[in-house]
PDB file of N, CA and C in Angstrom:
ATOM      1  N   ASP A   1     -10.087 -33.900  -6.564  1.00  0.00           N
ATOM      2  CA  ASP A   1     -10.745 -33.474  -7.781  1.00  0.00           C
ATOM      3  C   ASP A   1      -9.707 -33.525  -8.897  1.00  0.00           C
ATOM      4  N   ASP A   2     -10.010 -34.162  -9.963  1.00  0.00           N
ATOM      5  CA  ASP A   2      -9.051 -34.261 -11.061  1.00  0.00           C
ATOM      6  C   ASP A   2      -8.849 -32.900 -11.707  1.00  0.00           C
ATOM      7  N   GLU A   3      -7.605 -32.586 -12.021  1.00  0.00           N
ATOM      8  CA  GLU A   3      -7.304 -31.272 -12.572  1.00  0.00           C
ATOM      9  C   GLU A   3      -7.899 -31.065 -13.963  1.00  0.00           C
ATOM     10  N   ASN A   4      -8.223 -32.134 -14.660  1.00  0.00           N
ATOM     11  CA  ASN A   4      -8.714 -31.984 -16.032  1.00  0.00           C
ATOM     12  C   ASN A   4     -10.234 -32.011 -16.148  1.00  0.00           C
ATOM     13  N   ILE A   5     -10.935 -32.263 -15.080  1.00  0.00           N
ATOM     14  CA  ILE A   5     -12.399 -32.350 -15.164  1.00  0.00           C
ATOM     15  C   ILE A   5     -13.010 -30.972 -15.351  1.00  0.00           C
ATOM     16  N   ASN A   6     -12.634 -30.016 -14.534  1.00  0.00           N
ATOM     17  CA  ASN A   6     -13.163 -28.659 -14.536  1.00  0.00           C
ATOM     18  C   ASN A   6     -14.686 -28.675 -14.423  1.00  0.00           C
ATOM     19  N   SER A   7     -15.425 -28.400 -15.508  1.00  0.00           N
ATOM     20  CA  SER A   7     -16.889 -28.405 -15.446  1.00  0.00           C
ATOM     21  C   SER A   7     -17.445 -28.859 -16.789  1.00  0.00           C
ATOM     22  N   GLN A   8     -17.176 -30.091 -17.134  1.00  0.00           N
ATOM     23  CA  GLN A   8     -17.642 -30.635 -18.406  1.00  0.00           C
ATOM     24  C   GLN A   8     -19.123 -30.996 -18.307  1.00  0.00           C
ATOM     25  N   PRO A   9     -19.817 -31.083 -19.442  1.00  0.00           N
ATOM     26  CA  PRO A   9     -21.265 -31.343 -19.429  1.00  0.00           C
ATOM     27  C   PRO A   9     -21.667 -32.591 -18.638  1.00  0.00           C
ATOM     28  N   PHE A  10     -20.834 -33.601 -18.620  1.00  0.00           N
ATOM     29  CA  PHE A  10     -21.198 -34.831 -17.915  1.00  0.00           C
ATOM     30  C   PHE A  10     -20.867 -34.783 -16.421  1.00  0.00           C
ATOM     31  N   MET A  11     -20.225 -33.699 -15.978  1.00  0.00           N
ATOM     32  CA  MET A  11     -19.855 -33.607 -14.564  1.00  0.00           C
ATOM     33  C   MET A  11     -19.640 -32.137 -14.195  1.00  0.00           C
ATOM     34  N   ARG A  12     -20.711 -31.438 -13.930  1.00  0.00           N
ATOM     35  CA  ARG A  12     -20.632 -30.019 -13.597  1.00  0.00           C
ATOM     36  C   ARG A  12     -20.033 -29.818 -12.212  1.00  0.00           C
ATOM     37  N   TRP A  13     -19.298 -28.728 -12.048  1.00  0.00           N
ATOM     38  CA  TRP A  13     -18.536 -28.513 -10.820  1.00  0.00           C
ATOM     39  C   TRP A  13     -19.411 -28.467  -9.580  1.00  0.00           C
ATOM     40  N   ARG A  14     -20.541 -27.776  -9.614  1.00  0.00           N
ATOM     41  CA  ARG A  14     -21.371 -27.626  -8.417  1.00  0.00           C
ATOM     42  C   ARG A  14     -21.897 -28.976  -7.925  1.00  0.00           C
ATOM     43  N   GLU A  15     -22.429 -29.768  -8.820  1.00  0.00           N
ATOM     44  CA  GLU A  15     -22.934 -31.085  -8.449  1.00  0.00           C
ATOM     45  C   GLU A  15     -21.794 -31.992  -7.968  1.00  0.00           C
ATOM     46  N   ARG A  16     -20.638 -31.885  -8.619  1.00  0.00           N
ATOM     47  CA  ARG A  16     -19.482 -32.683  -8.218  1.00  0.00           C
ATOM     48  C   ARG A  16     -19.018 -32.312  -6.815  1.00  0.00           C
ATOM     49  N   TYR A  17     -18.943 -31.016  -6.517  1.00  0.00           N
ATOM     50  CA  TYR A  17     -18.545 -30.579  -5.179  1.00  0.00           C
ATOM     51  C   TYR A  17     -19.481 -31.154  -4.120  1.00  0.00           C
ATOM     52  N   LEU A  18     -20.792 -31.067  -4.380  1.00  0.00           N
ATOM     53  CA  LEU A  18     -21.768 -31.581  -3.417  1.00  0.00           C
ATOM     54  C   LEU A  18     -21.601 -33.082  -3.206  1.00  0.00           C
ATOM     55  N   TYR A  19     -21.420 -33.806  -4.286  1.00  0.00           N
ATOM     56  CA  TYR A  19     -21.245 -35.261  -4.214  1.00  0.00           C
ATOM     57  C   TYR A  19     -19.975 -35.618  -3.444  1.00  0.00           C
ATOM     58  N   VAL A  20     -18.887 -34.931  -3.772  1.00  0.00           N
ATOM     59  CA  VAL A  20     -17.608 -35.196  -3.111  1.00  0.00           C
ATOM     60  C   VAL A  20     -17.688 -34.895  -1.619  1.00  0.00           C
ATOM     61  N   MET A  21     -18.271 -33.752  -1.264  1.00  0.00           N
ATOM     62  CA  MET A  21     -18.345 -33.393   0.155  1.00  0.00           C
ATOM     63  C   MET A  21     -19.272 -34.322   0.929  1.00  0.00           C
ATOM     64  N   GLU A  22     -20.273 -34.856   0.270  1.00  0.00           N
ATOM     65  CA  GLU A  22     -21.121 -35.859   0.913  1.00  0.00           C
ATOM     66  C   GLU A  22     -20.276 -37.082   1.283  1.00  0.00           C
ATOM     67  N   GLY A  23     -19.436 -37.511   0.353  1.00  0.00           N
ATOM     68  CA  GLY A  23     -18.545 -38.641   0.623  1.00  0.00           C
ATOM     69  C   GLY A  23     -17.521 -38.332   1.700  1.00  0.00           C
ATOM     70  N   VAL A  24     -16.970 -37.134   1.668  1.00  0.00           N
ATOM     71  CA  VAL A  24     -15.992 -36.721   2.688  1.00  0.00           C
ATOM     72  C   VAL A  24     -16.644 -36.750   4.067  1.00  0.00           C
ATOM     73  N   ASN A  25     -17.836 -36.213   4.177  1.00  0.00           N
ATOM     74  CA  ASN A  25     -18.534 -36.170   5.470  1.00  0.00           C
ATOM     75  C   ASN A  25     -18.899 -37.564   5.966  1.00  0.00           C
ATOM     76  N   LYS A  26     -19.336 -38.429   5.070  1.00  0.00           N
ATOM     77  CA  LYS A  26     -19.655 -39.809   5.455  1.00  0.00           C
ATOM     78  C   LYS A  26     -18.413 -40.539   5.942  1.00  0.00           C
ATOM     79  N   ALA A  27     -17.312 -40.382   5.227  1.00  0.00           N
ATOM     80  CA  ALA A  27     -16.063 -41.052   5.612  1.00  0.00           C
ATOM     81  C   ALA A  27     -15.568 -40.549   6.962  1.00  0.00           C
ATOM     82  N   ALA A  28     -15.660 -39.240   7.185  1.00  0.00           N
ATOM     83  CA  ALA A  28     -15.223 -38.671   8.464  1.00  0.00           C
ATOM     84  C   ALA A  28     -16.095 -39.193   9.606  1.00  0.00           C
ATOM     85  N   ALA A  29     -17.405 -39.281   9.369  1.00  0.00           N
ATOM     86  CA  ALA A  29     -18.318 -39.772  10.409  1.00  0.00           C
ATOM     87  C   ALA A  29     -18.059 -41.242  10.731  1.00  0.00           C
ATOM     88  N   ARG A  30     -17.785 -42.034   9.714  1.00  0.00           N
ATOM     89  CA  ARG A  30     -17.556 -43.466   9.927  1.00  0.00           C
ATOM     90  C   ARG A  30     -16.220 -43.771  10.603  1.00  0.00           C
ATOM     91  N   THR A  31     -15.203 -42.992  10.273  1.00  0.00           N
ATOM     92  CA  THR A  31     -13.868 -43.296  10.784  1.00  0.00           C
ATOM     93  C   THR A  31     -13.497 -42.483  12.018  1.00  0.00           C
ATOM     94  N   GLY A  32     -14.164 -41.355  12.201  1.00  0.00           N
ATOM     95  CA  GLY A  32     -13.816 -40.483  13.306  1.00  0.00           C
ATOM     96  C   GLY A  32     -12.549 -39.680  13.062  1.00  0.00           C
ATOM     97  N   SER A  33     -12.042 -39.714  11.845  1.00  0.00           N
ATOM     98  CA  SER A  33     -10.833 -38.943  11.537  1.00  0.00           C
ATOM     99  C   SER A  33     -11.148 -37.885  10.475  1.00  0.00           C
ATOM    100  N   VAL A  34     -10.269 -36.917  10.383  1.00  0.00           N
ATOM    101  CA  VAL A  34     -10.456 -35.808   9.455  1.00  0.00           C
ATOM    102  C   VAL A  34     -10.258 -36.303   8.022  1.00  0.00           C
ATOM    103  N   LYS A  35     -11.159 -35.913   7.154  1.00  0.00           N
ATOM    104  CA  LYS A  35     -11.083 -36.252   5.728  1.00  0.00           C
ATOM    105  C   LYS A  35     -11.233 -34.983   4.919  1.00  0.00           C
ATOM    106  N   GLY A  36     -10.820 -35.020   3.678  1.00  0.00           N
ATOM    107  CA  GLY A  36     -10.957 -33.855   2.826  1.00  0.00           C
ATOM    108  C   GLY A  36     -10.767 -34.203   1.369  1.00  0.00           C
ATOM    109  N   SER A  37     -10.980 -33.224   0.518  1.00  0.00           N
ATOM    110  CA  SER A  37     -10.784 -33.375  -0.918  1.00  0.00           C
ATOM    111  C   SER A  37     -10.359 -32.031  -1.489  1.00  0.00           C
ATOM    112  N   TYR A  38      -9.516 -32.082  -2.482  1.00  0.00           N
ATOM    113  CA  TYR A  38      -9.046 -30.878  -3.140  1.00  0.00           C
ATOM    114  C   TYR A  38     -10.059 -30.523  -4.227  1.00  0.00           C
ATOM    115  N   LEU A  39     -10.922 -29.560  -3.981  1.00  0.00           N
ATOM    116  CA  LEU A  39     -11.927 -29.172  -4.964  1.00  0.00           C
ATOM    117  C   LEU A  39     -11.318 -28.175  -5.947  1.00  0.00           C
ATOM    118  N   ASN A  40     -11.319 -28.550  -7.217  1.00  0.00           N
ATOM    119  CA  ASN A  40     -10.687 -27.734  -8.251  1.00  0.00           C
ATOM    120  C   ASN A  40     -11.573 -26.554  -8.614  1.00  0.00           C
ATOM    121  N   VAL A  41     -11.087 -25.349  -8.333  1.00  0.00           N
ATOM    122  CA  VAL A  41     -11.856 -24.134  -8.622  1.00  0.00           C
ATOM    123  C   VAL A  41     -11.376 -23.429  -9.891  1.00  0.00           C
ATOM    124  N   THR A  42     -10.478 -24.056 -10.640  1.00  0.00           N
ATOM    125  CA  THR A  42      -9.964 -23.461 -11.869  1.00  0.00           C
ATOM    126  C   THR A  42     -11.110 -23.152 -12.830  1.00  0.00           C
ATOM    127  N   ALA A  43     -11.093 -21.947 -13.382  1.00  0.00           N
ATOM    128  CA  ALA A  43     -12.137 -21.519 -14.318  1.00  0.00           C
ATOM    129  C   ALA A  43     -11.551 -20.470 -15.257  1.00  0.00           C
ATOM    130  N   ALA A  44     -12.356 -20.017 -16.187  1.00  0.00           N
ATOM    131  CA  ALA A  44     -11.890 -19.070 -17.204  1.00  0.00           C
ATOM    132  C   ALA A  44     -11.684 -17.658 -16.675  1.00  0.00           C
ATOM    133  N   THR A  45     -12.381 -17.287 -15.586  1.00  0.00           N
ATOM    134  CA  THR A  45     -12.257 -15.932 -15.047  1.00  0.00           C
ATOM    135  C   THR A  45     -12.058 -15.980 -13.541  1.00  0.00           C
ATOM    136  N   MET A  46     -11.508 -14.914 -12.995  1.00  0.00           N
ATOM    137  CA  MET A  46     -11.342 -14.822 -11.543  1.00  0.00           C
ATOM    138  C   MET A  46     -12.702 -14.810 -10.853  1.00  0.00           C
ATOM    139  N   GLU A  47     -13.668 -14.148 -11.447  1.00  0.00           N
ATOM    140  CA  GLU A  47     -14.999 -14.097 -10.846  1.00  0.00           C
ATOM    141  C   GLU A  47     -15.567 -15.497 -10.668  1.00  0.00           C
ATOM    142  N   GLU A  48     -15.389 -16.343 -11.687  1.00  0.00           N
ATOM    143  CA  GLU A  48     -15.885 -17.714 -11.601  1.00  0.00           C
ATOM    144  C   GLU A  48     -15.085 -18.520 -10.571  1.00  0.00           C
ATOM    145  N   MET A  49     -13.781 -18.284 -10.495  1.00  0.00           N
ATOM    146  CA  MET A  49     -12.979 -18.987  -9.487  1.00  0.00           C
ATOM    147  C   MET A  49     -13.388 -18.572  -8.081  1.00  0.00           C
ATOM    148  N   TYR A  50     -13.656 -17.278  -7.885  1.00  0.00           N
ATOM    149  CA  TYR A  50     -14.144 -16.810  -6.586  1.00  0.00           C
ATOM    150  C   TYR A  50     -15.468 -17.480  -6.226  1.00  0.00           C
ATOM    151  N   ALA A  51     -16.381 -17.563  -7.201  1.00  0.00           N
ATOM    152  CA  ALA A  51     -17.693 -18.165  -6.949  1.00  0.00           C
ATOM    153  C   ALA A  51     -17.539 -19.637  -6.570  1.00  0.00           C
ATOM    154  N   ARG A  52     -16.685 -20.352  -7.279  1.00  0.00           N
ATOM    155  CA  ARG A  52     -16.479 -21.772  -6.983  1.00  0.00           C
ATOM    156  C   ARG A  52     -15.824 -21.946  -5.610  1.00  0.00           C
ATOM    157  N   ALA A  53     -14.835 -21.119  -5.320  1.00  0.00           N
ATOM    158  CA  ALA A  53     -14.154 -21.210  -4.028  1.00  0.00           C
ATOM    159  C   ALA A  53     -15.111 -20.891  -2.881  1.00  0.00           C
ATOM    160  N   ALA A  54     -15.924 -19.871  -3.048  1.00  0.00           N
ATOM    161  CA  ALA A  54     -16.892 -19.507  -2.006  1.00  0.00           C
ATOM    162  C   ALA A  54     -17.900 -20.630  -1.788  1.00  0.00           C
ATOM    163  N   PHE A  55     -18.342 -21.275  -2.861  1.00  0.00           N
ATOM    164  CA  PHE A  55     -19.272 -22.386  -2.724  1.00  0.00           C
ATOM    165  C   PHE A  55     -18.598 -23.563  -2.023  1.00  0.00           C
ATOM    166  N   ALA A  56     -17.349 -23.835  -2.368  1.00  0.00           N
ATOM    167  CA  ALA A  56     -16.608 -24.914  -1.705  1.00  0.00           C
ATOM    168  C   ALA A  56     -16.539 -24.669  -0.203  1.00  0.00           C
ATOM    169  N   LYS A  57     -16.240 -23.432   0.171  1.00  0.00           N
ATOM    170  CA  LYS A  57     -16.188 -23.102   1.595  1.00  0.00           C
ATOM    171  C   LYS A  57     -17.569 -23.228   2.235  1.00  0.00           C
ATOM    172  N   GLU A  58     -18.579 -22.750   1.550  1.00  0.00           N
ATOM    173  CA  GLU A  58     -19.950 -22.776   2.068  1.00  0.00           C
ATOM    174  C   GLU A  58     -20.418 -24.201   2.382  1.00  0.00           C
ATOM    175  N   ILE A  59     -19.995 -25.177   1.588  1.00  0.00           N
ATOM    176  CA  ILE A  59     -20.444 -26.552   1.819  1.00  0.00           C
ATOM    177  C   ILE A  59     -19.494 -27.342   2.714  1.00  0.00           C
ATOM    178  N   GLY A  60     -18.496 -26.654   3.275  1.00  0.00           N
ATOM    179  CA  GLY A  60     -17.672 -27.279   4.299  1.00  0.00           C
ATOM    180  C   GLY A  60     -16.270 -27.692   3.917  1.00  0.00           C
ATOM    181  N   SER A  61     -15.853 -27.394   2.711  1.00  0.00           N
ATOM    182  CA  SER A  61     -14.482 -27.737   2.317  1.00  0.00           C
ATOM    183  C   SER A  61     -13.497 -26.774   2.976  1.00  0.00           C
ATOM    184  N   VAL A  62     -12.313 -27.263   3.279  1.00  0.00           N
ATOM    185  CA  VAL A  62     -11.273 -26.401   3.847  1.00  0.00           C
ATOM    186  C   VAL A  62     -10.095 -26.246   2.891  1.00  0.00           C
ATOM    187  N   ILE A  63     -10.172 -26.917   1.729  1.00  0.00           N
ATOM    188  CA  ILE A  63      -9.070 -26.854   0.769  1.00  0.00           C
ATOM    189  C   ILE A  63      -9.602 -26.756  -0.649  1.00  0.00           C
ATOM    190  N   ILE A  64      -8.967 -25.902  -1.442  1.00  0.00           N
ATOM    191  CA  ILE A  64      -9.299 -25.762  -2.853  1.00  0.00           C
ATOM    192  C   ILE A  64      -8.030 -25.984  -3.667  1.00  0.00           C
ATOM    193  N   MET A  65      -8.215 -26.245  -4.948  1.00  0.00           N
ATOM    194  CA  MET A  65      -7.088 -26.487  -5.840  1.00  0.00           C
ATOM    195  C   MET A  65      -7.248 -25.632  -7.095  1.00  0.00           C
ATOM    196  N   ILE A  66      -6.128 -25.181  -7.627  1.00  0.00           N
ATOM    197  CA  ILE A  66      -6.123 -24.515  -8.927  1.00  0.00           C
ATOM    198  C   ILE A  66      -5.035 -25.141  -9.775  1.00  0.00           C
ATOM    199  N   ASP A  67      -5.154 -24.998 -11.070  1.00  0.00           N
ATOM    200  CA  ASP A  67      -4.131 -25.455 -12.002  1.00  0.00           C
ATOM    201  C   ASP A  67      -3.171 -24.292 -12.263  1.00  0.00           C
ATOM    202  N   LEU A  68      -1.878 -24.559 -12.237  1.00  0.00           N
ATOM    203  CA  LEU A  68      -0.883 -23.504 -12.446  1.00  0.00           C
ATOM    204  C   LEU A  68      -1.042 -22.774 -13.773  1.00  0.00           C
ATOM    205  N   ILE A  69      -1.650 -23.406 -14.725  1.00  0.00           N
ATOM    206  CA  ILE A  69      -1.792 -22.825 -16.047  1.00  0.00           C
ATOM    207  C   ILE A  69      -2.614 -21.532 -16.043  1.00  0.00           C
ATOM    208  N   ILE A  70      -3.306 -21.228 -14.938  1.00  0.00           N
ATOM    209  CA  ILE A  70      -4.112 -19.995 -14.897  1.00  0.00           C
ATOM    210  C   ILE A  70      -3.243 -18.741 -14.937  1.00  0.00           C
ATOM    211  N   GLY A  71      -1.961 -18.861 -14.630  1.00  0.00           N
ATOM    212  CA  GLY A  71      -1.062 -17.717 -14.715  1.00  0.00           C
ATOM    213  C   GLY A  71      -0.691 -17.160 -13.345  1.00  0.00           C
ATOM    214  N   TYR A  72       0.443 -16.481 -13.308  1.00  0.00           N
ATOM    215  CA  TYR A  72       0.999 -16.018 -12.040  1.00  0.00           C
ATOM    216  C   TYR A  72       0.124 -14.996 -11.319  1.00  0.00           C
ATOM    217  N   ALA A  73      -0.429 -14.039 -12.031  1.00  0.00           N
ATOM    218  CA  ALA A  73      -1.269 -13.030 -11.383  1.00  0.00           C
ATOM    219  C   ALA A  73      -2.528 -13.671 -10.800  1.00  0.00           C
ATOM    220  N   ALA A  74      -3.123 -14.593 -11.536  1.00  0.00           N
ATOM    221  CA  ALA A  74      -4.323 -15.276 -11.035  1.00  0.00           C
ATOM    222  C   ALA A  74      -3.983 -16.167  -9.843  1.00  0.00           C
ATOM    223  N   ILE A  75      -2.824 -16.807  -9.873  1.00  0.00           N
ATOM    224  CA  ILE A  75      -2.399 -17.638  -8.740  1.00  0.00           C
ATOM    225  C   ILE A  75      -2.285 -16.771  -7.488  1.00  0.00           C
ATOM    226  N   GLN A  76      -1.621 -15.636  -7.617  1.00  0.00           N
ATOM    227  CA  GLN A  76      -1.453 -14.733  -6.480  1.00  0.00           C
ATOM    228  C   GLN A  76      -2.800 -14.223  -5.978  1.00  0.00           C
ATOM    229  N   THR A  77      -3.686 -13.911  -6.891  1.00  0.00           N
ATOM    230  CA  THR A  77      -4.993 -13.382  -6.523  1.00  0.00           C
ATOM    231  C   THR A  77      -5.818 -14.407  -5.759  1.00  0.00           C
ATOM    232  N   ILE A  78      -5.867 -15.650  -6.248  1.00  0.00           N
ATOM    233  CA  ILE A  78      -6.641 -16.673  -5.538  1.00  0.00           C
ATOM    234  C   ILE A  78      -5.933 -17.070  -4.239  1.00  0.00           C
ATOM    235  N   ALA A  79      -4.622 -16.929  -4.188  1.00  0.00           N
ATOM    236  CA  ALA A  79      -3.899 -17.191  -2.937  1.00  0.00           C
ATOM    237  C   ALA A  79      -4.308 -16.183  -1.864  1.00  0.00           C
ATOM    238  N   TYR A  80      -4.428 -14.914  -2.238  1.00  0.00           N
ATOM    239  CA  TYR A  80      -4.902 -13.906  -1.282  1.00  0.00           C
ATOM    240  C   TYR A  80      -6.313 -14.239  -0.819  1.00  0.00           C
ATOM    241  N   TRP A  81      -7.176 -14.635  -1.758  1.00  0.00           N
ATOM    242  CA  TRP A  81      -8.542 -14.999  -1.383  1.00  0.00           C
ATOM    243  C   TRP A  81      -8.529 -16.149  -0.386  1.00  0.00           C
ATOM    244  N   ALA A  82      -7.752 -17.182  -0.674  1.00  0.00           N
ATOM    245  CA  ALA A  82      -7.693 -18.351   0.211  1.00  0.00           C
ATOM    246  C   ALA A  82      -7.198 -17.959   1.602  1.00  0.00           C
ATOM    247  N   ARG A  83      -6.158 -17.160   1.656  1.00  0.00           N
ATOM    248  CA  ARG A  83      -5.620 -16.725   2.947  1.00  0.00           C
ATOM    249  C   ARG A  83      -6.654 -15.920   3.727  1.00  0.00           C
ATOM    250  N   ASN A  84      -7.337 -15.016   3.058  1.00  0.00           N
ATOM    251  CA  ASN A  84      -8.341 -14.177   3.720  1.00  0.00           C
ATOM    252  C   ASN A  84      -9.598 -14.940   4.130  1.00  0.00           C
ATOM    253  N   ASN A  85      -9.786 -16.114   3.554  1.00  0.00           N
ATOM    254  CA  ASN A  85     -10.970 -16.922   3.854  1.00  0.00           C
ATOM    255  C   ASN A  85     -10.639 -18.207   4.593  1.00  0.00           C
ATOM    256  N   ASP A  86      -9.446 -18.276   5.175  1.00  0.00           N
ATOM    257  CA  ASP A  86      -9.012 -19.434   5.963  1.00  0.00           C
ATOM    258  C   ASP A  86      -9.143 -20.751   5.209  1.00  0.00           C
ATOM    259  N   MET A  87      -8.768 -20.727   3.941  1.00  0.00           N
ATOM    260  CA  MET A  87      -8.798 -21.921   3.107  1.00  0.00           C
ATOM    261  C   MET A  87      -7.371 -22.318   2.750  1.00  0.00           C
ATOM    262  N   ILE A  88      -7.144 -23.618   2.639  1.00  0.00           N
ATOM    263  CA  ILE A  88      -5.867 -24.131   2.169  1.00  0.00           C
ATOM    264  C   ILE A  88      -5.914 -24.130   0.645  1.00  0.00           C
ATOM    265  N   LEU A  89      -4.824 -23.734   0.008  1.00  0.00           N
ATOM    266  CA  LEU A  89      -4.756 -23.697  -1.453  1.00  0.00           C
ATOM    267  C   LEU A  89      -3.690 -24.670  -1.938  1.00  0.00           C
ATOM    268  N   HIS A  90      -4.100 -25.565  -2.820  1.00  0.00           N
ATOM    269  CA  HIS A  90      -3.172 -26.500  -3.458  1.00  0.00           C
ATOM    270  C   HIS A  90      -3.014 -26.087  -4.911  1.00  0.00           C
ATOM    271  N   LEU A  91      -1.784 -25.998  -5.376  1.00  0.00           N
ATOM    272  CA  LEU A  91      -1.524 -25.650  -6.767  1.00  0.00           C
ATOM    273  C   LEU A  91      -1.117 -26.911  -7.515  1.00  0.00           C
ATOM    274  N   HIS A  92      -1.904 -27.280  -8.507  1.00  0.00           N
ATOM    275  CA  HIS A  92      -1.592 -28.459  -9.309  1.00  0.00           C
ATOM    276  C   HIS A  92      -0.789 -28.014 -10.517  1.00  0.00           C
ATOM    277  N   ARG A  93       0.199 -28.799 -10.876  1.00  0.00           N
ATOM    278  CA  ARG A  93       1.071 -28.398 -11.976  1.00  0.00           C
ATOM    279  C   ARG A  93       0.508 -28.716 -13.352  1.00  0.00           C
ATOM    280  N   ALA A  94      -0.768 -28.996 -13.458  1.00  0.00           N
ATOM    281  CA  ALA A  94      -1.397 -29.299 -14.746  1.00  0.00           C
ATOM    282  C   ALA A  94      -1.078 -28.207 -15.755  1.00  0.00           C
ATOM    283  N   GLY A  95      -0.637 -28.617 -16.906  1.00  0.00           N
ATOM    284  CA  GLY A  95      -0.348 -27.687 -17.982  1.00  0.00           C
ATOM    285  C   GLY A  95       1.058 -27.126 -17.992  1.00  0.00           C
ATOM    286  N   HIS A  96       1.866 -27.468 -16.994  1.00  0.00           N
ATOM    287  CA  HIS A  96       3.199 -26.863 -16.948  1.00  0.00           C
ATOM    288  C   HIS A  96       4.046 -27.219 -18.156  1.00  0.00           C
ATOM    289  N   SER A  97       3.780 -28.359 -18.765  1.00  0.00           N
ATOM    290  CA  SER A  97       4.609 -28.748 -19.909  1.00  0.00           C
ATOM    291  C   SER A  97       4.415 -27.808 -21.096  1.00  0.00           C
ATOM    292  N   THR A  98       3.358 -27.014 -21.096  1.00  0.00           N
ATOM    293  CA  THR A  98       3.164 -26.065 -22.189  1.00  0.00           C
ATOM    294  C   THR A  98       4.250 -24.999 -22.196  1.00  0.00           C
ATOM    295  N   TYR A  99       4.877 -24.773 -21.055  1.00  0.00           N
ATOM    296  CA  TYR A  99       5.963 -23.790 -21.033  1.00  0.00           C
ATOM    297  C   TYR A  99       7.262 -24.321 -20.455  1.00  0.00           C
ATOM    298  N   THR A 100       7.349 -25.595 -20.149  1.00  0.00           N
ATOM    299  CA  THR A 100       8.607 -26.137 -19.625  1.00  0.00           C
ATOM    300  C   THR A 100       9.144 -27.314 -20.431  1.00  0.00           C
ATOM    301  N   ARG A 101       8.409 -27.797 -21.401  1.00  0.00           N
ATOM    302  CA  ARG A 101       8.823 -28.987 -22.142  1.00  0.00           C
ATOM    303  C   ARG A 101      10.058 -28.724 -23.013  1.00  0.00           C
ATOM    304  N   GLN A 102      10.082 -27.626 -23.725  1.00  0.00           N
ATOM    305  CA  GLN A 102      11.184 -27.334 -24.626  1.00  0.00           C
ATOM    306  C   GLN A 102      12.401 -26.816 -23.871  1.00  0.00           C
ATOM    307  N   LYS A 103      13.563 -27.320 -24.204  1.00  0.00           N
ATOM    308  CA  LYS A 103      14.788 -26.870 -23.542  1.00  0.00           C
ATOM    309  C   LYS A 103      15.270 -25.514 -24.067  1.00  0.00           C
ATOM    310  N   THR A 104      14.756 -25.094 -25.217  1.00  0.00           N
ATOM    311  CA  THR A 104      15.235 -23.857 -25.823  1.00  0.00           C
ATOM    312  C   THR A 104      14.392 -22.633 -25.471  1.00  0.00           C
ATOM    313  N   HIS A 105      13.293 -22.822 -24.750  1.00  0.00           N
ATOM    314  CA  HIS A 105      12.496 -21.681 -24.311  1.00  0.00           C
ATOM    315  C   HIS A 105      11.732 -22.051 -23.047  1.00  0.00           C
ATOM    316  N   GLY A 106      11.096 -21.092 -22.461  1.00  0.00           N
ATOM    317  CA  GLY A 106      10.339 -21.349 -21.240  1.00  0.00           C
ATOM    318  C   GLY A 106      11.215 -21.256 -20.004  1.00  0.00           C
ATOM    319  N   ILE A 107      10.726 -21.793 -18.898  1.00  0.00           N
ATOM    320  CA  ILE A 107      11.471 -21.766 -17.650  1.00  0.00           C
ATOM    321  C   ILE A 107      11.467 -23.143 -17.027  1.00  0.00           C
ATOM    322  N   ASN A 108      12.374 -23.365 -16.141  1.00  0.00           N
ATOM    323  CA  ASN A 108      12.443 -24.630 -15.432  1.00  0.00           C
ATOM    324  C   ASN A 108      11.338 -24.666 -14.389  1.00  0.00           C
ATOM    325  N   PHE A 109      10.629 -25.796 -14.299  1.00  0.00           N
ATOM    326  CA  PHE A 109       9.518 -25.904 -13.354  1.00  0.00           C
ATOM    327  C   PHE A 109       9.974 -25.696 -11.913  1.00  0.00           C
ATOM    328  N   ARG A 110      11.216 -26.001 -11.615  1.00  0.00           N
ATOM    329  CA  ARG A 110      11.720 -25.832 -10.248  1.00  0.00           C
ATOM    330  C   ARG A 110      11.714 -24.367  -9.814  1.00  0.00           C
ATOM    331  N   VAL A 111      11.761 -23.453 -10.754  1.00  0.00           N
ATOM    332  CA  VAL A 111      11.711 -22.032 -10.428  1.00  0.00           C
ATOM    333  C   VAL A 111      10.345 -21.674  -9.868  1.00  0.00           C
ATOM    334  N   ILE A 112       9.318 -22.293 -10.403  1.00  0.00           N
ATOM    335  CA  ILE A 112       7.952 -22.013  -9.969  1.00  0.00           C
ATOM    336  C   ILE A 112       7.767 -22.541  -8.575  1.00  0.00           C
TER     337      ILE A 112
END
């Protein structure tokens, strides 16, 4: 799932998840090997991220993705959710340049 898509009018997250998982399931059935996709659950609120993550799990996904730009507390919170729900969590570095680009402020991305 592209980190910048989120839920734009031309591609809403719920329909995209269903479409992607249909493809994942077809590919797994045809090849006999495990397939997957990183479904991006990044949203404006934790409640919305929980809803997206729960739906991803409900339709058979085992991995979700968030953008680091959501902030450290939100990252930790969704990490606890993923651990408690037996989901793999991928953190995408989308947006990191907003706080790592300038050499005179911010932090080094390697610290994260």
